């Protein structure tokens, strides 16, 4: 690993993976290992995307993306049917069938309605969702959603200082990571992607950055 400050090779004794800290013996610069461990440990080929990812270059722009499809959806679908069918059907369906409105019963059903919307959106994302980057020489767009419905965030190459990983530990004490485009307004994405798709997007974007990002003067 090279020091991010002076680019000197850092000796192994000065790198502590467990504490995520490193120190350069040449300039005494202290840095986070995870934020500088960006080089893949395998022969990366951008033209060989793994299953569930894609790379399309028509010389005008690049389409780089990955599906959010996950096996967890097979468990969420029956859960959603039971949750929404049992709770909402029992609370609101009985009122419709009897043609009688109950304010207390309707208010009681609001948390179940909100839960249905949240779990329903999550289930749809895990079935049909995608992350797709549309990139050209000026910058790009990061889209997360289903079909054409979703959120888009834009960046300009002139404003991008770095593309990095942001690693954290969730409430279940499991490591999770996001890809971060450091710009005037940082863009984070990729949370929840399977490792193979995640690593492909990250290293493909780093490679594209090296081709498109203009030199600083």
Protein backbone atom coordinates (compact mmCIF):
# COMPACT_ATOMS: atom_id res chain seq x y z
CA UNK A 1 0.00 0.00 0.00
CA UNK A 2 1.23 3.48 -0.89
CA UNK A 3 0.97 6.49 1.40
CA UNK A 4 -1.89 8.72 0.13
CA UNK A 5 0.20 11.77 1.08
CA UNK A 6 3.67 11.10 -0.38
CA UNK A 7 3.07 7.88 -2.42
CA UNK A 8 5.89 6.00 -0.67
CA UNK A 9 5.34 2.25 -0.09
CA UNK A 10 4.22 1.80 3.53
CA UNK A 11 5.92 -1.08 5.37
CA UNK A 12 3.64 -3.87 6.62
CA UNK A 13 4.52 -3.18 10.26
CA UNK A 14 2.86 0.23 9.97
CA UNK A 15 -0.44 -1.15 8.67
CA UNK A 16 -3.02 -2.43 11.16
CA UNK A 17 -6.03 -3.98 9.46
CA UNK A 18 -7.89 -4.57 12.75
CA UNK A 19 -7.81 -0.90 13.79
CA UNK A 20 -8.09 0.26 10.14
CA UNK A 21 -5.13 2.59 10.62
CA UNK A 22 -1.83 3.04 8.80
CA UNK A 23 1.18 5.33 9.26
CA UNK A 24 3.75 6.30 6.66
CA UNK A 25 7.32 5.84 7.88
CA UNK A 26 8.52 8.53 5.47
CA UNK A 27 6.24 11.50 6.19
CA UNK A 28 4.44 10.26 9.37
CA UNK A 29 1.06 10.70 7.68
CA UNK A 30 -1.72 8.71 9.44
CA UNK A 31 -4.57 7.38 7.30
CA UNK A 32 -7.45 4.89 7.26
CA UNK A 33 -6.50 1.67 5.50
CA UNK A 34 -10.03 1.00 4.17
CA UNK A 35 -10.14 4.38 2.43
CA UNK A 36 -6.92 3.66 0.53
CA UNK A 37 -7.24 -0.05 -0.18
CA UNK A 38 -8.75 0.53 -3.61
CA UNK A 39 -6.67 -1.72 -5.85
CA UNK A 40 -8.27 -5.07 -6.74
CA UNK A 41 -6.28 -8.15 -5.79
CA UNK A 42 -7.19 -9.87 -9.07
CA UNK A 43 -6.79 -9.17 -12.78
CA UNK A 44 -9.77 -6.86 -13.29
CA UNK A 45 -11.35 -6.77 -16.75
CA UNK A 46 -14.08 -4.18 -17.19
CA UNK A 47 -15.29 -6.01 -20.32
CA UNK A 48 -16.17 -9.13 -18.33
CA UNK A 49 -18.98 -8.05 -15.96
CA UNK A 50 -20.19 -10.78 -13.61
CA UNK A 51 -23.75 -12.04 -13.65
CA UNK A 52 -26.19 -9.34 -12.59
CA UNK A 53 -24.03 -6.45 -13.85
CA UNK A 54 -23.54 -4.79 -17.22
CA UNK A 55 -21.15 -2.50 -19.08
CA UNK A 56 -22.06 -0.83 -22.37
CA UNK A 57 -19.82 1.66 -24.16
CA UNK A 58 -21.04 3.27 -27.38
CA UNK A 59 -18.14 5.78 -27.46
CA UNK A 60 -20.57 8.62 -26.67
CA UNK A 61 -21.47 7.43 -23.18
CA UNK A 62 -21.06 4.47 -20.86
CA UNK A 63 -23.83 2.51 -19.14
CA UNK A 64 -22.58 0.75 -16.02
CA UNK A 65 -24.99 -0.99 -13.68
CA UNK A 66 -26.07 -3.84 -11.46
CA UNK A 67 -29.38 -5.39 -10.52
CA UNK A 68 -30.53 -5.26 -6.90
CA UNK A 69 -32.22 -8.65 -7.28
CA UNK A 70 -31.66 -10.75 -4.17
CA UNK A 71 -32.74 -14.22 -2.90
CA UNK A 72 -34.13 -12.44 0.18
CA UNK A 73 -37.07 -11.42 -2.02
CA UNK A 74 -38.29 -15.04 -1.97
CA UNK A 75 -38.84 -14.67 1.78
CA UNK A 76 -40.22 -11.12 1.59
CA UNK A 77 -42.92 -11.93 -0.97
CA UNK A 78 -44.84 -14.47 1.20
CA UNK A 79 -44.23 -12.28 4.25
CA UNK A 80 -45.78 -9.32 2.41
CA UNK A 81 -48.80 -11.39 1.36
CA UNK A 82 -49.41 -12.48 4.95
CA UNK A 83 -48.72 -9.02 6.40
CA UNK A 84 -50.81 -6.98 3.99
CA UNK A 85 -53.49 -9.60 3.44
CA UNK A 86 -53.99 -10.37 7.12
CA UNK A 87 -53.58 -6.95 8.70
CA UNK A 88 -54.99 -4.62 6.04
CA UNK A 89 -57.64 -7.10 4.94
CA UNK A 90 -58.81 -7.55 8.50
CA UNK A 91 -58.75 -3.86 9.40
CA UNK A 92 -59.94 -2.15 6.22
CA UNK A 93 -61.41 -5.07 4.27
CA UNK A 94 -64.05 -5.75 6.93
CA UNK A 95 -65.10 -2.09 6.87
CA UNK A 96 -65.49 -2.16 3.10
CA UNK A 97 -67.40 -5.43 3.20
CA UNK A 98 -69.77 -4.14 5.88
CA UNK A 99 -69.85 -0.65 4.33
CA UNK A 100 -69.27 0.76 7.81
CA UNK A 101 -66.48 3.21 8.62
CA UNK A 102 -64.73 2.94 11.99
CA UNK A 103 -62.40 5.83 12.87
CA UNK A 104 -60.72 3.98 15.75
CA UNK A 105 -60.13 0.86 13.66
CA UNK A 106 -58.83 2.92 10.75
CA UNK A 107 -56.36 4.80 12.97
CA UNK A 108 -55.22 1.50 14.47
CA UNK A 109 -54.42 0.26 10.95
CA UNK A 110 -52.15 3.20 10.00
CA UNK A 111 -48.91 1.58 11.32
CA UNK A 112 -49.74 -1.59 9.37
CA UNK A 113 -50.37 0.51 6.26
CA UNK A 114 -47.01 2.28 6.64
CA UNK A 115 -45.27 -1.05 7.20
CA UNK A 116 -46.87 -2.45 4.06
CA UNK A 117 -45.59 0.50 2.02
CA UNK A 118 -42.05 0.19 3.41
CA UNK A 119 -41.77 -3.60 3.09
CA UNK A 120 -43.55 -3.49 -0.26
CA UNK A 121 -41.04 -0.97 -1.67
CA UNK A 122 -38.14 -3.03 -0.33
CA UNK A 123 -39.56 -6.21 -1.87
CA UNK A 124 -40.04 -4.56 -5.27
CA UNK A 125 -36.48 -3.20 -5.20
CA UNK A 126 -35.11 -6.67 -4.45
CA UNK A 127 -37.14 -8.10 -7.30
CA UNK A 128 -36.83 -5.45 -10.02
CA UNK A 129 -34.51 -2.71 -8.71
CA UNK A 130 -31.22 -1.61 -10.24
CA UNK A 131 -28.32 0.79 -9.86
CA UNK A 132 -27.18 2.30 -13.16
CA UNK A 133 -24.56 4.92 -13.95
CA UNK A 134 -24.70 6.86 -17.20
CA UNK A 135 -21.28 8.42 -17.78
CA UNK A 136 -19.69 10.68 -20.39
CA UNK A 137 -16.64 12.96 -20.59
CA UNK A 138 -18.35 15.74 -18.62
CA UNK A 139 -19.73 13.69 -15.74
CA UNK A 140 -22.56 11.31 -15.07
CA UNK A 141 -25.75 10.26 -13.36
CA UNK A 142 -26.27 7.65 -10.65
CA UNK A 143 -29.78 6.17 -10.81
CA UNK A 144 -31.34 3.88 -8.21
CA UNK A 145 -34.85 2.56 -8.81
CA UNK A 146 -37.17 0.38 -10.85
CA UNK A 147 -37.46 0.94 -14.59
CA UNK A 148 -37.54 4.72 -14.98
CA UNK A 149 -38.95 5.35 -11.51
CA UNK A 150 -36.35 6.18 -8.88
CA UNK A 151 -33.78 8.74 -7.71
CA UNK A 152 -31.04 10.27 -9.82
CA UNK A 153 -27.93 12.07 -8.58
CA UNK A 154 -25.52 13.90 -10.87
CA UNK A 155 -21.81 14.65 -10.76
CA UNK A 156 -19.26 16.54 -12.84
CA UNK A 157 -15.76 15.14 -13.29
CA UNK A 158 -14.25 18.54 -12.51
CA UNK A 159 -15.78 18.38 -9.03
CA UNK A 160 -14.82 14.77 -8.25
CA UNK A 161 -11.84 14.52 -5.91
CA UNK A 162 -11.98 10.79 -5.32
CA UNK A 163 -14.00 7.58 -5.64
CA UNK A 164 -13.73 5.50 -2.48
CA UNK A 165 -15.41 2.95 -0.24
CA UNK A 166 -17.19 3.84 3.00
CA UNK A 167 -17.26 0.86 5.34
CA UNK A 168 -19.30 0.67 8.54
CA UNK A 169 -20.82 -1.83 10.96
CA UNK A 170 -24.60 -2.18 11.20
CA UNK A 171 -26.71 -2.98 14.27
CA UNK A 172 -26.15 -6.71 13.68
CA UNK A 173 -22.36 -6.16 13.87
CA UNK A 174 -21.98 -6.97 10.17
CA UNK A 175 -19.71 -5.05 7.81
CA UNK A 176 -21.44 -3.07 5.08
CA UNK A 177 -19.97 -0.86 2.40
CA UNK A 178 -21.00 1.89 0.01
CA UNK A 179 -19.33 3.42 -3.00
CA UNK A 180 -18.78 7.14 -2.49
CA UNK A 181 -18.13 9.72 -5.21
CA UNK A 182 -16.47 12.61 -3.38
CA UNK A 183 -17.61 15.82 -5.05
CA UNK A 184 -19.25 19.12 -4.05
CA UNK A 185 -22.23 16.99 -3.03
CA UNK A 186 -20.96 13.45 -2.26
CA UNK A 187 -22.94 10.60 -3.80
CA UNK A 188 -23.22 7.25 -1.97
CA UNK A 189 -24.66 4.08 -3.49
CA UNK A 190 -24.30 0.30 -3.63
CA UNK A 191 -25.43 -0.56 -0.11
CA UNK A 192 -26.80 -4.12 -0.03
CA UNK A 193 -25.31 -5.25 -3.34
CA UNK A 194 -23.84 -8.78 -3.40
CA UNK A 195 -20.02 -8.62 -3.10
CA UNK A 196 -19.29 -9.66 -6.69
CA UNK A 197 -21.56 -6.96 -8.17
CA UNK A 198 -20.38 -4.37 -5.66
CA UNK A 199 -16.68 -4.90 -6.37
CA UNK A 200 -17.25 -4.86 -10.12
CA UNK A 201 -19.08 -1.50 -9.98
CA UNK A 202 -16.44 -0.01 -7.70
CA UNK A 203 -13.39 -1.01 -9.74
CA UNK A 204 -15.11 -0.34 -13.07
CA UNK A 205 -15.98 3.19 -11.92
CA UNK A 206 -12.39 3.72 -10.73
CA UNK A 207 -11.14 2.63 -14.15
CA UNK A 208 -13.58 4.94 -15.95
CA UNK A 209 -12.51 7.79 -13.68
CA UNK A 210 -8.88 7.34 -14.73
CA UNK A 211 -9.96 7.66 -18.38
CA UNK A 212 -12.40 10.58 -18.11
CA UNK A 213 -11.37 12.74 -15.18
CA UNK A 214 -9.48 15.82 -16.43
CA UNK A 215 -6.07 16.61 -15.03
CA UNK A 216 -6.03 19.26 -12.28
CA UNK A 217 -4.06 22.43 -13.01
